[in-house]
Amino acid sequence: MPSPKKKVNDDFFSRVYEVTKNIPYGRITSYGAIARYLGSGKSARMVGWALNVSHNDREFIPAHRVVNRKGLLTGKYHFGNSTTMAQLLQNEGIIIENDQILNFEEKFWDPAKELV
């Protein structure tokens, strides 16, 4: 029988994945924006943990579209090598320089405003 803590994490991770699947092609959001949308504003790091293991999900989770609050590609090492995340984002029209999204505000997608 799974522990109650594991069940809570699984539920939270599933909710993170559902929000992340809604990020449109060519848009990005932050770990904190997802956490706030889920009612756990202080859980941005846990959103990151969920996305770090999202490759285990049966469905495609566009985790590359989630960055830190400053537009830095802080999760880049979880994509096989340090350039894959940037390449995926650049393929979607995101402008990146030195692991920083330059058009962050223009491309930012806020689930609190976009999902009803």
N, C-alpha and C. Protein backbone atom coordinates (compact mmCIF):
# COMPACT_ATOMS: atom_id res chain seq x y z
N MET A 1 0.85 -1.18 0.00
CA MET A 1 0.00 0.00 0.00
C MET A 1 0.90 1.24 0.00
N PRO A 2 0.64 2.20 -0.94
CA PRO A 2 1.48 3.40 -0.99
C PRO A 2 1.27 4.27 0.25
N SER A 3 2.31 4.97 0.62
CA SER A 3 2.20 5.85 1.77
C SER A 3 1.34 7.06 1.42
N PRO A 4 0.69 7.68 2.41
CA PRO A 4 -0.13 8.87 2.13
C PRO A 4 0.69 9.99 1.48
N LYS A 5 1.96 10.15 1.91
CA LYS A 5 2.80 11.20 1.33
C LYS A 5 3.02 10.95 -0.16
N LYS A 6 3.30 9.70 -0.56
CA LYS A 6 3.49 9.38 -1.97
C LYS A 6 2.22 9.70 -2.75
N LYS A 7 1.07 9.38 -2.21
CA LYS A 7 -0.20 9.65 -2.89
C LYS A 7 -0.39 11.15 -3.10
N VAL A 8 -0.08 11.96 -2.09
CA VAL A 8 -0.20 13.41 -2.21
C VAL A 8 0.75 13.91 -3.31
N ASN A 9 1.99 13.42 -3.32
CA ASN A 9 2.94 13.83 -4.36
C ASN A 9 2.46 13.41 -5.73
N ASP A 10 1.96 12.17 -5.85
CA ASP A 10 1.46 11.70 -7.14
C ASP A 10 0.33 12.59 -7.64
N ASP A 11 -0.59 12.94 -6.75
CA ASP A 11 -1.70 13.81 -7.13
C ASP A 11 -1.19 15.18 -7.56
N PHE A 12 -0.26 15.75 -6.80
CA PHE A 12 0.29 17.06 -7.15
C PHE A 12 1.01 16.98 -8.48
N PHE A 13 1.83 15.96 -8.67
CA PHE A 13 2.57 15.81 -9.92
C PHE A 13 1.59 15.69 -11.09
N SER A 14 0.54 14.92 -10.93
CA SER A 14 -0.47 14.77 -12.00
C SER A 14 -1.11 16.10 -12.34
N ARG A 15 -1.38 16.91 -11.32
CA ARG A 15 -1.98 18.23 -11.56
C ARG A 15 -0.98 19.14 -12.28
N VAL A 16 0.29 19.05 -11.91
CA VAL A 16 1.33 19.82 -12.62
C VAL A 16 1.36 19.42 -14.09
N TYR A 17 1.29 18.12 -14.36
CA TYR A 17 1.33 17.64 -15.74
C TYR A 17 0.12 18.14 -16.54
N GLU A 18 -1.04 18.14 -15.93
CA GLU A 18 -2.24 18.60 -16.63
C GLU A 18 -2.12 20.08 -17.02
N VAL A 19 -1.60 20.90 -16.12
CA VAL A 19 -1.40 22.32 -16.44
C VAL A 19 -0.35 22.45 -17.53
N THR A 20 0.76 21.74 -17.39
CA THR A 20 1.86 21.85 -18.35
C THR A 20 1.43 21.44 -19.75
N LYS A 21 0.57 20.44 -19.85
CA LYS A 21 0.09 19.99 -21.17
C LYS A 21 -0.71 21.08 -21.88
N ASN A 22 -1.21 22.06 -21.13
CA ASN A 22 -2.01 23.14 -21.72
C ASN A 22 -1.18 24.32 -22.20
N ILE A 23 0.11 24.34 -21.92
CA ILE A 23 0.95 25.46 -22.37
C ILE A 23 1.01 25.40 -23.90
N PRO A 24 0.57 26.45 -24.57
CA PRO A 24 0.56 26.41 -26.03
C PRO A 24 1.96 26.38 -26.63
N TYR A 25 2.03 25.81 -27.80
CA TYR A 25 3.26 25.81 -28.60
C TYR A 25 3.73 27.27 -28.75
N GLY A 26 5.00 27.50 -28.53
CA GLY A 26 5.55 28.84 -28.69
C GLY A 26 5.37 29.75 -27.49
N ARG A 27 4.90 29.21 -26.38
CA ARG A 27 4.71 29.99 -25.15
C ARG A 27 5.47 29.32 -24.02
N ILE A 28 5.74 30.05 -22.96
CA ILE A 28 6.43 29.52 -21.79
C ILE A 28 5.73 30.00 -20.54
N THR A 29 6.00 29.30 -19.45
CA THR A 29 5.50 29.72 -18.14
C THR A 29 6.59 29.43 -17.12
N SER A 30 6.29 29.73 -15.87
CA SER A 30 7.28 29.51 -14.81
C SER A 30 6.79 28.45 -13.83
N TYR A 31 7.74 27.89 -13.09
CA TYR A 31 7.41 26.93 -12.05
C TYR A 31 6.46 27.58 -11.04
N GLY A 32 6.74 28.81 -10.67
CA GLY A 32 5.93 29.52 -9.70
C GLY A 32 4.52 29.80 -10.19
N ALA A 33 4.37 30.12 -11.47
CA ALA A 33 3.03 30.37 -12.02
C ALA A 33 2.18 29.12 -11.95
N ILE A 34 2.78 27.97 -12.22
CA ILE A 34 2.04 26.71 -12.12
C ILE A 34 1.69 26.44 -10.65
N ALA A 35 2.64 26.64 -9.76
CA ALA A 35 2.40 26.42 -8.33
C ALA A 35 1.26 27.31 -7.83
N ARG A 36 1.29 28.58 -8.19
CA ARG A 36 0.23 29.51 -7.76
C ARG A 36 -1.12 29.07 -8.31
N TYR A 37 -1.16 28.67 -9.57
CA TYR A 37 -2.41 28.22 -10.18
C TYR A 37 -2.98 27.02 -9.42
N LEU A 38 -2.10 26.16 -8.94
CA LEU A 38 -2.54 24.97 -8.22
C LEU A 38 -2.83 25.24 -6.75
N GLY A 39 -2.69 26.51 -6.33
CA GLY A 39 -2.99 26.86 -4.96
C GLY A 39 -1.86 26.56 -3.98
N SER A 40 -0.67 26.36 -4.51
CA SER A 40 0.51 26.05 -3.69
C SER A 40 1.63 27.00 -4.06
N GLY A 41 1.40 28.28 -3.87
CA GLY A 41 2.34 29.30 -4.31
C GLY A 41 3.78 29.13 -3.86
N LYS A 42 4.00 28.45 -2.76
CA LYS A 42 5.36 28.24 -2.24
C LYS A 42 5.97 26.93 -2.75
N SER A 43 5.34 26.29 -3.72
CA SER A 43 5.78 24.97 -4.17
C SER A 43 6.41 24.96 -5.56
N ALA A 44 7.02 26.06 -5.96
CA ALA A 44 7.64 26.13 -7.28
C ALA A 44 8.70 25.03 -7.44
N ARG A 45 9.47 24.79 -6.39
CA ARG A 45 10.51 23.77 -6.45
C ARG A 45 9.90 22.38 -6.66
N MET A 46 8.75 22.14 -6.03
CA MET A 46 8.10 20.85 -6.20
C MET A 46 7.56 20.69 -7.63
N VAL A 47 7.13 21.79 -8.24
CA VAL A 47 6.74 21.76 -9.65
C VAL A 47 7.94 21.31 -10.48
N GLY A 48 9.10 21.87 -10.18
CA GLY A 48 10.32 21.47 -10.88
C GLY A 48 10.62 19.99 -10.70
N TRP A 49 10.46 19.48 -9.48
CA TRP A 49 10.69 18.05 -9.23
C TRP A 49 9.74 17.21 -10.07
N ALA A 50 8.48 17.63 -10.13
CA ALA A 50 7.50 16.89 -10.93
C ALA A 50 7.92 16.87 -12.39
N LEU A 51 8.33 18.00 -12.91
CA LEU A 51 8.72 18.06 -14.32
C LEU A 51 10.01 17.30 -14.59
N ASN A 52 10.88 17.22 -13.60
CA ASN A 52 12.12 16.45 -13.78
C ASN A 52 11.86 14.98 -14.04
N VAL A 53 10.74 14.46 -13.52
CA VAL A 53 10.42 13.05 -13.73
C VAL A 53 9.25 12.87 -14.71
N SER A 54 8.88 13.92 -15.39
CA SER A 54 7.72 13.84 -16.29
C SER A 54 7.95 12.93 -17.48
N HIS A 55 9.20 12.62 -17.79
CA HIS A 55 9.47 11.71 -18.91
C HIS A 55 8.95 10.30 -18.61
N ASN A 56 8.58 10.02 -17.36
CA ASN A 56 8.01 8.72 -17.00
C ASN A 56 6.53 8.64 -17.34
N ASP A 57 5.90 9.76 -17.65
CA ASP A 57 4.48 9.78 -17.97
C ASP A 57 4.25 9.19 -19.36
N ARG A 58 3.11 8.55 -19.53
CA ARG A 58 2.80 7.95 -20.84
C ARG A 58 2.57 9.01 -21.91
N GLU A 59 2.04 10.16 -21.51
CA GLU A 59 1.77 11.24 -22.46
C GLU A 59 2.94 12.21 -22.50
N PHE A 60 3.06 12.91 -23.61
CA PHE A 60 4.10 13.94 -23.75
C PHE A 60 3.78 15.11 -22.84
N ILE A 61 4.72 15.48 -22.01
CA ILE A 61 4.59 16.64 -21.13
C ILE A 61 5.61 17.67 -21.63
N PRO A 62 5.17 18.82 -22.12
CA PRO A 62 6.12 19.81 -22.66
C PRO A 62 6.86 20.58 -21.56
N ALA A 63 7.62 19.84 -20.77
CA ALA A 63 8.34 20.42 -19.63
C ALA A 63 9.35 21.47 -20.06
N HIS A 64 9.79 21.42 -21.31
CA HIS A 64 10.74 22.42 -21.80
C HIS A 64 10.15 23.82 -21.82
N ARG A 65 8.84 23.93 -21.74
CA ARG A 65 8.17 25.23 -21.76
C ARG A 65 8.05 25.87 -20.38
N VAL A 66 8.65 25.25 -19.37
CA VAL A 66 8.59 25.78 -18.01
C VAL A 66 10.00 26.18 -17.57
N VAL A 67 10.12 27.43 -17.15
CA VAL A 67 11.42 28.00 -16.78
C VAL A 67 11.28 28.71 -15.43
N ASN A 68 12.35 29.27 -14.94
CA ASN A 68 12.23 29.98 -13.66
C ASN A 68 11.61 31.36 -13.87
N ARG A 69 11.35 32.06 -12.79
CA ARG A 69 10.61 33.33 -12.85
C ARG A 69 11.33 34.43 -13.59
N LYS A 70 12.62 34.25 -13.83
CA LYS A 70 13.41 35.24 -14.56
C LYS A 70 13.64 34.84 -16.02
N GLY A 71 13.06 33.71 -16.41
CA GLY A 71 13.24 33.24 -17.78
C GLY A 71 14.51 32.46 -18.01
N LEU A 72 15.13 31.99 -16.95
CA LEU A 72 16.34 31.19 -17.08
C LEU A 72 15.99 29.72 -17.27
N LEU A 73 16.77 29.03 -18.09
CA LEU A 73 16.56 27.62 -18.36
C LEU A 73 17.21 26.78 -17.26
N THR A 74 16.67 26.86 -16.07
CA THR A 74 17.27 26.19 -14.92
C THR A 74 17.11 24.68 -14.97
N GLY A 75 16.18 24.17 -15.74
CA GLY A 75 15.97 22.73 -15.84
C GLY A 75 16.66 22.09 -17.02
N LYS A 76 17.56 22.81 -17.65
CA LYS A 76 18.14 22.35 -18.92
C LYS A 76 18.89 21.03 -18.83
N TYR A 77 19.42 20.67 -17.68
CA TYR A 77 20.19 19.44 -17.57
C TYR A 77 19.33 18.18 -17.47
N HIS A 78 18.02 18.36 -17.43
CA HIS A 78 17.11 17.22 -17.34
C HIS A 78 16.56 16.81 -18.70
N PHE A 79 17.20 17.28 -19.76
CA PHE A 79 16.74 16.97 -21.12
C PHE A 79 17.76 16.18 -21.92
N GLY A 80 18.62 15.46 -21.27
CA GLY A 80 19.60 14.65 -21.97
C GLY A 80 20.95 15.32 -22.13
N ASN A 81 20.95 16.57 -22.51
CA ASN A 81 22.18 17.36 -22.53
C ASN A 81 21.81 18.82 -22.30
N SER A 82 22.80 19.66 -22.16
CA SER A 82 22.54 21.03 -21.73
C SER A 82 21.99 21.94 -22.82
N THR A 83 21.86 21.46 -24.05
CA THR A 83 21.35 22.33 -25.12
C THR A 83 19.97 21.93 -25.64
N THR A 84 19.48 20.76 -25.27
CA THR A 84 18.21 20.27 -25.81
C THR A 84 17.04 21.20 -25.47
N MET A 85 16.95 21.64 -24.23
CA MET A 85 15.84 22.50 -23.82
C MET A 85 15.83 23.79 -24.66
N ALA A 86 16.98 24.41 -24.81
CA ALA A 86 17.08 25.64 -25.61
C ALA A 86 16.70 25.37 -27.06
N GLN A 87 17.15 24.26 -27.61
CA GLN A 87 16.82 23.92 -29.00
C GLN A 87 15.32 23.74 -29.18
N LEU A 88 14.69 23.04 -28.24
CA LEU A 88 13.24 22.84 -28.33
C LEU A 88 12.50 24.18 -28.29
N LEU A 89 12.91 25.05 -27.39
CA LEU A 89 12.26 26.36 -27.27
C LEU A 89 12.53 27.22 -28.50
N GLN A 90 13.74 27.22 -28.99
CA GLN A 90 14.07 28.01 -30.19
C GLN A 90 13.28 27.51 -31.39
N ASN A 91 13.05 26.22 -31.48
CA ASN A 91 12.22 25.67 -32.56
C ASN A 91 10.79 26.20 -32.50
N GLU A 92 10.37 26.68 -31.33
CA GLU A 92 9.02 27.21 -31.15
C GLU A 92 9.00 28.74 -31.20
N GLY A 93 10.13 29.36 -31.56
CA GLY A 93 10.17 30.81 -31.71
C GLY A 93 10.57 31.58 -30.47
N ILE A 94 11.05 30.89 -29.46
CA ILE A 94 11.51 31.55 -28.24
C ILE A 94 12.96 32.00 -28.48
N ILE A 95 13.26 33.24 -28.14
CA ILE A 95 14.60 33.79 -28.34
C ILE A 95 15.40 33.61 -27.06
N ILE A 96 16.54 32.92 -27.18
CA ILE A 96 17.36 32.58 -26.02
C ILE A 96 18.80 33.03 -26.25
N GLU A 97 19.35 33.62 -25.21
CA GLU A 97 20.77 33.99 -25.22
C GLU A 97 21.35 33.70 -23.85
N ASN A 98 22.43 32.92 -23.80
CA ASN A 98 23.07 32.54 -22.53
C ASN A 98 22.07 31.94 -21.54
N ASP A 99 21.26 31.00 -22.04
CA ASP A 99 20.26 30.30 -21.23
C ASP A 99 19.20 31.22 -20.63
N GLN A 100 18.99 32.36 -21.22
CA GLN A 100 18.00 33.34 -20.76
C GLN A 100 17.01 33.61 -21.90
N ILE A 101 15.72 33.55 -21.62
CA ILE A 101 14.71 33.86 -22.63
C ILE A 101 14.62 35.38 -22.74
N LEU A 102 14.90 35.88 -23.93
CA LEU A 102 14.91 37.33 -24.14
C LEU A 102 13.50 37.88 -24.34
N ASN A 103 12.62 37.10 -24.94
CA ASN A 103 11.25 37.56 -25.17
C ASN A 103 10.30 36.92 -24.14
N PHE A 104 10.76 36.86 -22.90
CA PHE A 104 10.04 36.20 -21.80
C PHE A 104 8.65 36.79 -21.59
N GLU A 105 8.57 38.10 -21.42
CA GLU A 105 7.26 38.72 -21.15
C GLU A 105 6.30 38.54 -22.31
N GLU A 106 6.80 38.65 -23.51
CA GLU A 106 5.97 38.50 -24.71
C GLU A 106 5.41 37.08 -24.84
N LYS A 107 6.20 36.09 -24.47
CA LYS A 107 5.82 34.68 -24.65
C LYS A 107 5.25 34.04 -23.39
N PHE A 108 5.21 34.80 -22.28
CA PHE A 108 4.76 34.23 -21.01
C PHE A 108 3.28 33.85 -21.06
N TRP A 109 2.99 32.66 -20.59
CA TRP A 109 1.63 32.14 -20.50
C TRP A 109 1.31 31.92 -19.03
N ASP A 110 0.30 32.61 -18.54
CA ASP A 110 -0.09 32.52 -17.13
C ASP A 110 -1.31 31.64 -17.01
N PRO A 111 -1.16 30.45 -16.40
CA PRO A 111 -2.32 29.57 -16.30
C PRO A 111 -3.48 30.18 -15.53
N ALA A 112 -3.19 31.06 -14.58
CA ALA A 112 -4.28 31.70 -13.81
C ALA A 112 -5.17 32.57 -14.69
N LYS A 113 -4.61 33.09 -15.77
CA LYS A 113 -5.38 33.94 -16.69
C LYS A 113 -5.91 33.15 -17.88
N GLU A 114 -5.21 32.09 -18.26
CA GLU A 114 -5.54 31.36 -19.48
C GLU A 114 -6.47 30.15 -19.26
N LEU A 115 -6.37 29.55 -18.08
CA LEU A 115 -7.20 28.37 -17.80
C LEU A 115 -8.36 28.80 -16.91
N VAL A 116 -9.55 28.41 -17.27
CA VAL A 116 -10.72 28.75 -16.46
C VAL A 116 -11.35 27.51 -15.88
